[in-house]
Amino acid sequence: MDGSVCGILTVLFLVTLHYLARQSADDELVEAAPAWIEFARRHELRYNELNIWGRFKGYALRVDTEQHKSTRSKFNLTRLVFAVPALPRTVLIEPDYRFNEFPIRQEHATPEVTALLQHPSVRERFSVAANTYREFTIQNGHISAQRNGRVPVTVEELESFIEPAFQLARALDEAARSGTPTSRSG
């Protein structure tokens, strides 16, 4: 085979891969829709295509998808937002994966917020959430999380995407309501 034929075959192969990757992102959204509708119905949430919102086990929740396109690829982003009534709206927490401490800015580190974040159940749930999501923040009284790539296409996948953030929201609220000091007892 001469060089020009190999070059043409290489280009055709790359174009085919590119097309399949783009088509796969679209197919994933179509495949996911029935599961998202079923999840919304089970939890009495509102939905519109791959958007879900409403009260999930007592907490305001929004889950949606967004498709990002570049000249070379297309990928899906799934994100969620939970309202956390226990947190002051001024708190900003962003996981810092280099340290085993809560990354809270000094100006937000009131004794109450620091105690809340040091509560054992909050620490545990925070660690799980920080390791589950690609992007994860707590800001303005909301937990925001996202993952790139494959959109949850089954009810079970959607539940496992939402559960770590829900557990953290619940742990934050319970710790705040209990007024219990951190794990100093021991």
N, C-alpha and C. Protein backbone atom coordinates (compact mmCIF):
# COMPACT_ATOMS: atom_id res chain seq x y z
N MET A 1 0.85 -1.17 0.00
CA MET A 1 0.00 0.00 0.00
C MET A 1 0.90 1.23 0.00
N ASP A 2 0.57 2.19 -0.86
CA ASP A 2 1.43 3.38 -0.87
C ASP A 2 1.00 4.36 0.22
N GLY A 3 1.83 5.36 0.49
CA GLY A 3 1.63 6.30 1.58
C GLY A 3 0.34 7.08 1.49
N SER A 4 -0.09 7.43 0.28
CA SER A 4 -1.31 8.23 0.16
C SER A 4 -2.55 7.41 0.54
N VAL A 5 -2.55 6.13 0.22
CA VAL A 5 -3.67 5.27 0.59
C VAL A 5 -3.71 5.11 2.11
N CYS A 6 -2.55 4.90 2.73
CA CYS A 6 -2.49 4.78 4.20
C CYS A 6 -2.96 6.07 4.85
N GLY A 7 -2.57 7.20 4.29
CA GLY A 7 -3.00 8.49 4.83
C GLY A 7 -4.50 8.66 4.74
N ILE A 8 -5.07 8.29 3.59
CA ILE A 8 -6.52 8.40 3.41
C ILE A 8 -7.25 7.47 4.37
N LEU A 9 -6.75 6.24 4.52
CA LEU A 9 -7.37 5.30 5.45
C LEU A 9 -7.28 5.80 6.89
N THR A 10 -6.17 6.40 7.25
CA THR A 10 -6.01 6.96 8.59
C THR A 10 -7.01 8.08 8.84
N VAL A 11 -7.15 8.98 7.86
CA VAL A 11 -8.10 10.08 7.98
C VAL A 11 -9.52 9.55 8.09
N LEU A 12 -9.88 8.58 7.26
CA LEU A 12 -11.22 7.99 7.32
C LEU A 12 -11.48 7.33 8.68
N PHE A 13 -10.47 6.65 9.18
CA PHE A 13 -10.59 6.00 10.49
C PHE A 13 -10.82 7.05 11.58
N LEU A 14 -10.06 8.12 11.56
CA LEU A 14 -10.20 9.17 12.57
C LEU A 14 -11.55 9.89 12.46
N VAL A 15 -11.99 10.13 11.26
CA VAL A 15 -13.30 10.77 11.05
C VAL A 15 -14.41 9.84 11.58
N THR A 16 -14.29 8.56 11.33
CA THR A 16 -15.28 7.60 11.82
C THR A 16 -15.30 7.57 13.35
N LEU A 17 -14.14 7.54 13.97
CA LEU A 17 -14.08 7.57 15.43
C LEU A 17 -14.71 8.85 15.98
N HIS A 18 -14.41 9.96 15.35
CA HIS A 18 -14.97 11.25 15.77
C HIS A 18 -16.50 11.22 15.66
N TYR A 19 -17.02 10.73 14.57
CA TYR A 19 -18.46 10.64 14.36
C TYR A 19 -19.10 9.74 15.42
N LEU A 20 -18.48 8.58 15.67
CA LEU A 20 -19.03 7.64 16.65
C LEU A 20 -19.04 8.24 18.05
N ALA A 21 -17.99 8.98 18.40
CA ALA A 21 -17.94 9.62 19.72
C ALA A 21 -19.05 10.66 19.85
N ARG A 22 -19.26 11.47 18.82
CA ARG A 22 -20.33 12.47 18.86
C ARG A 22 -21.70 11.79 18.92
N GLN A 23 -21.88 10.76 18.14
CA GLN A 23 -23.16 10.04 18.13
C GLN A 23 -23.41 9.37 19.46
N SER A 24 -22.37 8.85 20.09
CA SER A 24 -22.50 8.20 21.37
C SER A 24 -23.01 9.17 22.43
N ALA A 25 -22.51 10.40 22.45
CA ALA A 25 -22.97 11.40 23.42
C ALA A 25 -24.46 11.69 23.21
N ASP A 26 -24.90 11.77 21.96
CA ASP A 26 -26.32 12.00 21.68
C ASP A 26 -27.17 10.80 22.08
N ASP A 27 -26.70 9.61 21.73
CA ASP A 27 -27.43 8.38 22.06
C ASP A 27 -27.60 8.22 23.57
N GLU A 28 -26.57 8.61 24.31
CA GLU A 28 -26.61 8.51 25.77
C GLU A 28 -27.75 9.33 26.35
N LEU A 29 -27.96 10.53 25.81
CA LEU A 29 -29.04 11.38 26.30
C LEU A 29 -30.40 10.75 26.02
N VAL A 30 -30.55 10.19 24.84
CA VAL A 30 -31.81 9.53 24.49
C VAL A 30 -32.03 8.31 25.37
N GLU A 31 -30.96 7.54 25.63
CA GLU A 31 -31.05 6.35 26.47
C GLU A 31 -31.40 6.71 27.93
N ALA A 32 -30.91 7.83 28.41
CA ALA A 32 -31.10 8.22 29.81
C ALA A 32 -32.50 8.73 30.11
N ALA A 33 -33.17 9.31 29.15
CA ALA A 33 -34.44 10.00 29.39
C ALA A 33 -35.48 9.15 30.15
N PRO A 34 -35.75 7.90 29.78
CA PRO A 34 -36.76 7.14 30.53
C PRO A 34 -36.41 6.95 32.01
N ALA A 35 -35.14 6.74 32.30
CA ALA A 35 -34.73 6.56 33.70
C ALA A 35 -34.91 7.85 34.49
N TRP A 36 -34.61 8.98 33.89
CA TRP A 36 -34.77 10.26 34.58
C TRP A 36 -36.25 10.52 34.86
N ILE A 37 -37.10 10.20 33.91
CA ILE A 37 -38.54 10.37 34.10
C ILE A 37 -39.04 9.47 35.23
N GLU A 38 -38.58 8.22 35.22
CA GLU A 38 -38.99 7.28 36.26
C GLU A 38 -38.49 7.73 37.63
N PHE A 39 -37.26 8.19 37.72
CA PHE A 39 -36.72 8.69 38.99
C PHE A 39 -37.57 9.87 39.49
N ALA A 40 -37.88 10.79 38.61
CA ALA A 40 -38.69 11.95 38.99
C ALA A 40 -40.07 11.52 39.47
N ARG A 41 -40.67 10.58 38.81
CA ARG A 41 -41.99 10.10 39.23
C ARG A 41 -41.93 9.42 40.59
N ARG A 42 -40.92 8.58 40.82
CA ARG A 42 -40.77 7.88 42.10
C ARG A 42 -40.65 8.84 43.27
N HIS A 43 -39.97 9.95 43.03
CA HIS A 43 -39.70 10.90 44.12
C HIS A 43 -40.60 12.15 44.06
N GLU A 44 -41.62 12.08 43.22
CA GLU A 44 -42.58 13.18 43.06
C GLU A 44 -41.89 14.51 42.75
N LEU A 45 -40.95 14.44 41.82
CA LEU A 45 -40.23 15.62 41.36
C LEU A 45 -40.77 16.04 40.00
N ARG A 46 -40.51 17.25 39.63
CA ARG A 46 -40.87 17.72 38.29
C ARG A 46 -39.71 17.41 37.34
N TYR A 47 -40.03 17.30 36.07
CA TYR A 47 -38.99 16.98 35.10
C TYR A 47 -39.33 17.57 33.74
N ASN A 48 -38.30 17.76 32.97
CA ASN A 48 -38.41 18.23 31.60
C ASN A 48 -37.16 17.72 30.91
N GLU A 49 -37.33 16.75 30.06
CA GLU A 49 -36.20 16.09 29.40
C GLU A 49 -35.21 15.61 30.47
N LEU A 50 -33.96 16.03 30.41
CA LEU A 50 -32.98 15.59 31.40
C LEU A 50 -32.74 16.67 32.44
N ASN A 51 -33.82 17.20 32.95
CA ASN A 51 -33.81 18.18 34.04
C ASN A 51 -34.82 17.71 35.07
N ILE A 52 -34.38 17.69 36.33
CA ILE A 52 -35.25 17.28 37.44
C ILE A 52 -35.14 18.35 38.50
N TRP A 53 -36.27 18.71 39.12
CA TRP A 53 -36.22 19.67 40.20
C TRP A 53 -37.40 19.45 41.14
N GLY A 54 -37.22 19.90 42.38
CA GLY A 54 -38.28 19.79 43.38
C GLY A 54 -37.68 19.42 44.73
N ARG A 55 -38.54 18.88 45.61
CA ARG A 55 -38.10 18.49 46.96
C ARG A 55 -37.78 17.00 46.95
N PHE A 56 -36.55 16.68 47.29
CA PHE A 56 -36.07 15.30 47.35
C PHE A 56 -35.80 14.97 48.81
N LYS A 57 -36.64 14.14 49.41
CA LYS A 57 -36.50 13.75 50.81
C LYS A 57 -36.36 14.97 51.71
N GLY A 58 -37.13 16.02 51.40
CA GLY A 58 -37.16 17.21 52.22
C GLY A 58 -36.20 18.32 51.83
N TYR A 59 -35.38 18.11 50.82
CA TYR A 59 -34.38 19.10 50.41
C TYR A 59 -34.64 19.55 48.98
N ALA A 60 -34.48 20.84 48.73
CA ALA A 60 -34.62 21.35 47.36
C ALA A 60 -33.47 20.80 46.52
N LEU A 61 -33.82 20.22 45.38
CA LEU A 61 -32.84 19.57 44.50
C LEU A 61 -33.09 20.00 43.07
N ARG A 62 -32.00 20.17 42.33
CA ARG A 62 -32.06 20.36 40.89
C ARG A 62 -30.96 19.51 40.27
N VAL A 63 -31.30 18.72 39.26
CA VAL A 63 -30.33 17.90 38.53
C VAL A 63 -30.56 18.18 37.05
N ASP A 64 -29.46 18.42 36.33
CA ASP A 64 -29.61 18.64 34.89
C ASP A 64 -28.38 18.16 34.15
N THR A 65 -28.50 18.20 32.85
CA THR A 65 -27.39 17.83 31.97
C THR A 65 -27.13 18.96 31.00
N GLU A 66 -25.93 18.97 30.52
CA GLU A 66 -25.56 19.95 29.51
C GLU A 66 -24.58 19.27 28.57
N GLN A 67 -24.74 19.53 27.31
CA GLN A 67 -23.83 18.95 26.33
C GLN A 67 -22.83 20.01 25.90
N HIS A 68 -21.56 19.67 26.00
CA HIS A 68 -20.49 20.58 25.59
C HIS A 68 -19.89 20.08 24.29
N LYS A 69 -19.66 21.01 23.39
CA LYS A 69 -19.10 20.66 22.09
C LYS A 69 -17.81 21.45 21.87
N SER A 70 -16.88 20.78 21.29
CA SER A 70 -15.67 21.46 20.83
C SER A 70 -15.45 21.01 19.39
N THR A 71 -14.44 21.51 18.78
CA THR A 71 -14.21 21.12 17.39
C THR A 71 -13.84 19.65 17.27
N ARG A 72 -13.32 19.08 18.34
CA ARG A 72 -12.88 17.69 18.27
C ARG A 72 -13.80 16.69 18.95
N SER A 73 -14.61 17.14 19.89
CA SER A 73 -15.42 16.16 20.60
C SER A 73 -16.69 16.79 21.16
N LYS A 74 -17.50 15.91 21.70
CA LYS A 74 -18.74 16.31 22.35
C LYS A 74 -18.82 15.46 23.61
N PHE A 75 -19.16 16.09 24.74
CA PHE A 75 -19.33 15.31 25.96
C PHE A 75 -20.48 15.88 26.78
N ASN A 76 -20.99 15.05 27.65
CA ASN A 76 -22.12 15.43 28.50
C ASN A 76 -21.64 15.73 29.91
N LEU A 77 -22.29 16.67 30.53
CA LEU A 77 -22.01 17.06 31.90
C LEU A 77 -23.30 16.89 32.69
N THR A 78 -23.23 16.22 33.84
CA THR A 78 -24.38 16.06 34.72
C THR A 78 -24.06 16.81 36.00
N ARG A 79 -24.99 17.63 36.46
CA ARG A 79 -24.73 18.38 37.70
C ARG A 79 -25.97 18.39 38.57
N LEU A 80 -25.72 18.62 39.86
CA LEU A 80 -26.82 18.71 40.82
C LEU A 80 -26.57 19.87 41.76
N VAL A 81 -27.64 20.36 42.34
CA VAL A 81 -27.57 21.41 43.36
C VAL A 81 -28.59 21.04 44.43
N PHE A 82 -28.11 20.98 45.68
CA PHE A 82 -28.95 20.76 46.85
C PHE A 82 -28.93 22.01 47.71
N ALA A 83 -30.06 22.47 48.18
CA ALA A 83 -30.12 23.55 49.16
C ALA A 83 -29.83 22.95 50.53
N VAL A 84 -28.98 23.64 51.30
CA VAL A 84 -28.62 23.18 52.65
C VAL A 84 -29.00 24.28 53.64
N PRO A 85 -30.20 24.20 54.23
CA PRO A 85 -30.66 25.26 55.11
C PRO A 85 -29.75 25.54 56.30
N ALA A 86 -28.99 24.55 56.77
CA ALA A 86 -28.16 24.73 57.96
C ALA A 86 -26.96 25.64 57.74
N LEU A 87 -26.54 25.81 56.51
CA LEU A 87 -25.33 26.57 56.25
C LEU A 87 -25.61 28.05 56.05
N PRO A 88 -24.80 28.89 56.66
CA PRO A 88 -24.91 30.33 56.35
C PRO A 88 -24.59 30.55 54.87
N ARG A 89 -25.28 31.48 54.28
CA ARG A 89 -25.09 31.73 52.85
C ARG A 89 -23.71 32.28 52.52
N THR A 90 -22.99 32.78 53.51
CA THR A 90 -21.68 33.37 53.25
C THR A 90 -20.56 32.33 53.19
N VAL A 91 -20.84 31.09 53.54
CA VAL A 91 -19.80 30.05 53.58
C VAL A 91 -19.44 29.61 52.17
N LEU A 92 -18.13 29.47 51.93
CA LEU A 92 -17.62 28.92 50.68
C LEU A 92 -16.64 27.81 51.03
N ILE A 93 -16.95 26.61 50.59
CA ILE A 93 -16.10 25.45 50.85
C ILE A 93 -15.81 24.76 49.52
N GLU A 94 -14.54 24.59 49.22
CA GLU A 94 -14.12 23.89 48.02
C GLU A 94 -13.12 22.82 48.42
N PRO A 95 -13.36 21.58 48.08
CA PRO A 95 -12.43 20.53 48.48
C PRO A 95 -11.02 20.80 47.96
N ASP A 96 -10.07 20.55 48.83
CA ASP A 96 -8.65 20.62 48.47
C ASP A 96 -8.12 19.22 48.70
N TYR A 97 -7.83 18.53 47.63
CA TYR A 97 -7.51 17.11 47.71
C TYR A 97 -6.09 16.84 48.24
N ARG A 98 -5.32 17.90 48.49
CA ARG A 98 -3.97 17.71 49.02
C ARG A 98 -3.95 17.58 50.53
N PHE A 99 -4.99 18.02 51.18
CA PHE A 99 -5.01 18.05 52.64
C PHE A 99 -6.21 17.26 53.15
N ASN A 100 -6.13 16.83 54.39
CA ASN A 100 -7.23 16.09 55.00
C ASN A 100 -8.03 17.00 55.92
N GLU A 101 -8.09 18.25 55.61
CA GLU A 101 -8.84 19.22 56.40
C GLU A 101 -9.90 19.86 55.53
N PHE A 102 -10.89 20.47 56.15
CA PHE A 102 -11.91 21.17 55.39
C PHE A 102 -11.32 22.45 54.85
N PRO A 103 -11.42 22.67 53.58
CA PRO A 103 -10.87 23.89 52.97
C PRO A 103 -11.87 25.04 53.08
N ILE A 104 -11.89 25.69 54.21
CA ILE A 104 -12.80 26.80 54.41
C ILE A 104 -11.99 28.08 54.50
N ARG A 105 -12.43 29.08 53.83
CA ARG A 105 -11.70 30.35 53.85
C ARG A 105 -11.76 30.97 55.23
N GLN A 106 -10.69 31.61 55.62
CA GLN A 106 -10.56 32.18 56.96
C GLN A 106 -11.73 33.09 57.31
N GLU A 107 -12.17 33.91 56.37
CA GLU A 107 -13.26 34.84 56.67
C GLU A 107 -14.58 34.14 56.94
N HIS A 108 -14.69 32.86 56.58
CA HIS A 108 -15.92 32.10 56.81
C HIS A 108 -15.79 31.17 58.01
N ALA A 109 -14.64 31.11 58.61
CA ALA A 109 -14.37 30.13 59.67
C ALA A 109 -14.84 30.62 61.03
N THR A 110 -16.13 30.85 61.17
CA THR A 110 -16.67 31.20 62.48
C THR A 110 -16.61 29.95 63.36
N PRO A 111 -16.63 30.11 64.66
CA PRO A 111 -16.61 28.92 65.54
C PRO A 111 -17.77 27.96 65.25
N GLU A 112 -18.95 28.50 64.94
CA GLU A 112 -20.10 27.64 64.67
C GLU A 112 -19.91 26.83 63.39
N VAL A 113 -19.44 27.50 62.33
CA VAL A 113 -19.24 26.79 61.05
C VAL A 113 -18.11 25.78 61.19
N THR A 114 -17.04 26.16 61.86
CA THR A 114 -15.92 25.24 62.05
C THR A 114 -16.38 24.01 62.83
N ALA A 115 -17.16 24.22 63.90
CA ALA A 115 -17.67 23.08 64.68
C ALA A 115 -18.58 22.20 63.83
N LEU A 116 -19.42 22.82 63.03
CA LEU A 116 -20.32 22.07 62.16
C LEU A 116 -19.52 21.19 61.20
N LEU A 117 -18.49 21.75 60.60
CA LEU A 117 -17.71 21.00 59.63
C LEU A 117 -16.82 19.93 60.26
N GLN A 118 -16.55 20.06 61.54
CA GLN A 118 -15.73 19.07 62.23
C GLN A 118 -16.57 17.94 62.84
N HIS A 119 -17.89 18.06 62.76
CA HIS A 119 -18.76 17.00 63.28
C HIS A 119 -18.41 15.70 62.55
N PRO A 120 -18.27 14.57 63.27
CA PRO A 120 -17.83 13.31 62.64
C PRO A 120 -18.66 12.88 61.43
N SER A 121 -19.99 12.98 61.52
CA SER A 121 -20.81 12.53 60.38
C SER A 121 -20.64 13.47 59.19
N VAL A 122 -20.45 14.76 59.45
CA VAL A 122 -20.24 15.71 58.35
C VAL A 122 -18.89 15.44 57.69
N ARG A 123 -17.85 15.22 58.49
CA ARG A 123 -16.52 14.94 57.93
C ARG A 123 -16.57 13.70 57.03
N GLU A 124 -17.24 12.67 57.51
CA GLU A 124 -17.33 11.42 56.74
C GLU A 124 -18.07 11.65 55.42
N ARG A 125 -19.23 12.29 55.49
CA ARG A 125 -20.03 12.53 54.28
C ARG A 125 -19.33 13.49 53.32
N PHE A 126 -18.64 14.48 53.88
CA PHE A 126 -17.89 15.42 53.04
C PHE A 126 -16.81 14.68 52.26
N SER A 127 -16.11 13.80 52.93
CA SER A 127 -15.04 13.03 52.28
C SER A 127 -15.60 12.18 51.14
N VAL A 128 -16.71 11.52 51.39
CA VAL A 128 -17.34 10.69 50.34
C VAL A 128 -17.74 11.56 49.15
N ALA A 129 -18.40 12.68 49.42
CA ALA A 129 -18.85 13.56 48.33
C ALA A 129 -17.66 14.13 47.56
N ALA A 130 -16.63 14.56 48.27
CA ALA A 130 -15.46 15.14 47.60
C ALA A 130 -14.76 14.12 46.71
N ASN A 131 -14.83 12.85 47.08
CA ASN A 131 -14.20 11.81 46.27
C ASN A 131 -15.11 11.25 45.20
N THR A 132 -16.39 11.58 45.24
CA THR A 132 -17.36 11.07 44.26
C THR A 132 -17.46 11.97 43.04
N TYR A 133 -17.43 13.28 43.26
CA TYR A 133 -17.72 14.23 42.20
C TYR A 133 -16.45 14.84 41.63
N ARG A 134 -16.50 15.15 40.35
CA ARG A 134 -15.37 15.79 39.69
C ARG A 134 -15.23 17.23 40.18
N GLU A 135 -16.33 17.93 40.27
CA GLU A 135 -16.37 19.30 40.77
C GLU A 135 -17.34 19.30 41.93
N PHE A 136 -16.96 19.96 43.01
CA PHE A 136 -17.79 19.92 44.21
C PHE A 136 -17.52 21.17 45.04
N THR A 137 -18.58 21.92 45.36
CA THR A 137 -18.45 23.10 46.21
C THR A 137 -19.68 23.24 47.10
N ILE A 138 -19.49 23.96 48.19
CA ILE A 138 -20.61 24.37 49.02
C ILE A 138 -20.51 25.89 49.07
N GLN A 139 -21.54 26.53 48.55
CA GLN A 139 -21.51 27.99 48.44
C GLN A 139 -22.94 28.53 48.47
N ASN A 140 -23.10 29.66 49.13
CA ASN A 140 -24.41 30.33 49.19
C ASN A 140 -25.51 29.40 49.68
N GLY A 141 -25.18 28.53 50.63
CA GLY A 141 -26.18 27.63 51.19
C GLY A 141 -26.57 26.48 50.29
N HIS A 142 -25.73 26.15 49.30
CA HIS A 142 -26.02 25.07 48.36
C HIS A 142 -24.81 24.17 48.18
N ILE A 143 -25.08 22.88 48.01
CA ILE A 143 -24.06 21.93 47.59
C ILE A 143 -24.20 21.83 46.07
N SER A 144 -23.11 22.05 45.35
CA SER A 144 -23.10 21.91 43.89
C SER A 144 -22.09 20.83 43.54
N ALA A 145 -22.48 19.93 42.67
CA ALA A 145 -21.58 18.84 42.27
C ALA A 145 -21.83 18.51 40.81
N GLN A 146 -20.78 18.00 40.18
CA GLN A 146 -20.95 17.60 38.78
C GLN A 146 -20.00 16.47 38.43
N ARG A 147 -20.34 15.84 37.33
CA ARG A 147 -19.44 14.85 36.75
C ARG A 147 -19.50 15.00 35.25
N ASN A 148 -18.38 14.82 34.64
CA ASN A 148 -18.30 14.86 33.18
C ASN A 148 -18.37 13.43 32.68
N GLY A 149 -18.73 13.30 31.44
CA GLY A 149 -18.75 11.97 30.85
C GLY A 149 -20.14 11.40 30.82
N ARG A 150 -20.22 10.13 31.09
CA ARG A 150 -21.45 9.37 30.95
C ARG A 150 -22.57 9.89 31.86
N VAL A 151 -23.68 10.22 31.26
CA VAL A 151 -24.88 10.64 31.98
C VAL A 151 -25.50 9.39 32.63
N PRO A 152 -26.00 9.49 33.86
CA PRO A 152 -26.68 8.33 34.43
C PRO A 152 -27.83 7.88 33.53
N VAL A 153 -27.83 6.60 33.14
CA VAL A 153 -28.83 6.10 32.20
C VAL A 153 -29.82 5.13 32.83
N THR A 154 -29.63 4.85 34.13
CA THR A 154 -30.60 4.02 34.84
C THR A 154 -31.02 4.77 36.10
N VAL A 155 -32.13 4.37 36.67
CA VAL A 155 -32.59 4.96 37.92
C VAL A 155 -31.53 4.76 39.00
N GLU A 156 -30.93 3.57 39.04
CA GLU A 156 -29.92 3.26 40.05
C GLU A 156 -28.70 4.16 39.90
N GLU A 157 -28.25 4.40 38.67
CA GLU A 157 -27.10 5.29 38.45
C GLU A 157 -27.43 6.71 38.87
N LEU A 158 -28.63 7.15 38.60
CA LEU A 158 -29.04 8.50 38.99
C LEU A 158 -29.09 8.61 40.52
N GLU A 159 -29.63 7.60 41.16
CA GLU A 159 -29.67 7.59 42.63
C GLU A 159 -28.26 7.61 43.22
N SER A 160 -27.33 6.83 42.65
CA SER A 160 -25.97 6.81 43.19
C SER A 160 -25.22 8.11 42.90
N PHE A 161 -25.63 8.84 41.87
CA PHE A 161 -25.05 10.16 41.61
C PHE A 161 -25.53 11.17 42.65
N ILE A 162 -26.79 11.11 43.02
CA ILE A 162 -27.40 12.08 43.92
C ILE A 162 -27.10 11.77 45.39
N GLU A 163 -27.03 10.52 45.75
CA GLU A 163 -26.97 10.10 47.15
C GLU A 163 -25.84 10.72 47.98
N PRO A 164 -24.58 10.79 47.52
CA PRO A 164 -23.53 11.38 48.36
C PRO A 164 -23.82 12.85 48.73
N ALA A 165 -24.32 13.62 47.80
CA ALA A 165 -24.64 15.03 48.09
C ALA A 165 -25.84 15.11 49.04
N PHE A 166 -26.83 14.25 48.85
CA PHE A 166 -27.97 14.23 49.76
C PHE A 166 -27.53 13.87 51.18
N GLN A 167 -26.69 12.85 51.30
CA GLN A 167 -26.22 12.42 52.63
C GLN A 167 -25.45 13.55 53.32
N LEU A 168 -24.66 14.30 52.55
CA LEU A 168 -23.92 15.43 53.13
C LEU A 168 -24.89 16.53 53.57
N ALA A 169 -25.88 16.85 52.76
CA ALA A 169 -26.87 17.87 53.12
C ALA A 169 -27.57 17.47 54.41
N ARG A 170 -27.97 16.23 54.50
CA ARG A 170 -28.65 15.75 55.70
C ARG A 170 -27.74 15.79 56.92
N ALA A 171 -26.48 15.37 56.76
CA ALA A 171 -25.53 15.39 57.88
C ALA A 171 -25.29 16.82 58.36
N LEU A 172 -25.17 17.76 57.44
CA LEU A 172 -24.98 19.17 57.82
C LEU A 172 -26.18 19.68 58.61
N ASP A 173 -27.38 19.40 58.13
CA ASP A 173 -28.59 19.85 58.83
C ASP A 173 -28.71 19.20 60.21
N GLU A 174 -28.49 17.89 60.28
CA GLU A 174 -28.61 17.19 61.57
C GLU A 174 -27.58 17.70 62.57
N ALA A 175 -26.35 17.91 62.12
CA ALA A 175 -25.31 18.41 63.02
C ALA A 175 -25.65 19.82 63.50
N ALA A 176 -26.17 20.64 62.62
CA ALA A 176 -26.54 22.01 63.00
C ALA A 176 -27.70 22.01 64.00
N ARG A 177 -28.69 21.15 63.76
CA ARG A 177 -29.85 21.09 64.65
C ARG A 177 -29.49 20.50 66.01
N SER A 178 -28.56 19.55 66.03
CA SER A 178 -28.22 18.90 67.29
C SER A 178 -27.44 19.83 68.22
N GLY A 179 -26.72 20.79 67.60
CA GLY A 179 -25.92 21.69 68.41
C GLY A 179 -24.80 20.97 69.12
N THR A 180 -24.55 19.73 68.75
CA THR A 180 -23.51 18.92 69.38
C THR A 180 -22.14 19.44 69.00
N PRO A 181 -21.25 19.57 69.97
CA PRO A 181 -19.89 19.96 69.64
C PRO A 181 -19.23 18.89 68.78
N THR A 182 -18.09 19.20 68.27
CA THR A 182 -17.36 18.28 67.41
C THR A 182 -16.96 17.04 68.18
N SER A 183 -16.13 16.24 67.60
CA SER A 183 -15.72 14.97 68.21
C SER A 183 -14.72 15.17 69.33
N ARG A 184 -14.83 16.27 70.10
CA ARG A 184 -13.91 16.50 71.21
C ARG A 184 -14.10 15.46 72.32
N SER A 185 -15.33 14.99 72.45
CA SER A 185 -15.53 13.97 73.48
C SER A 185 -14.82 12.70 73.07
N GLY A 186 -14.28 11.99 73.95
CA GLY A 186 -13.64 10.80 73.48
C GLY A 186 -12.78 10.25 74.44
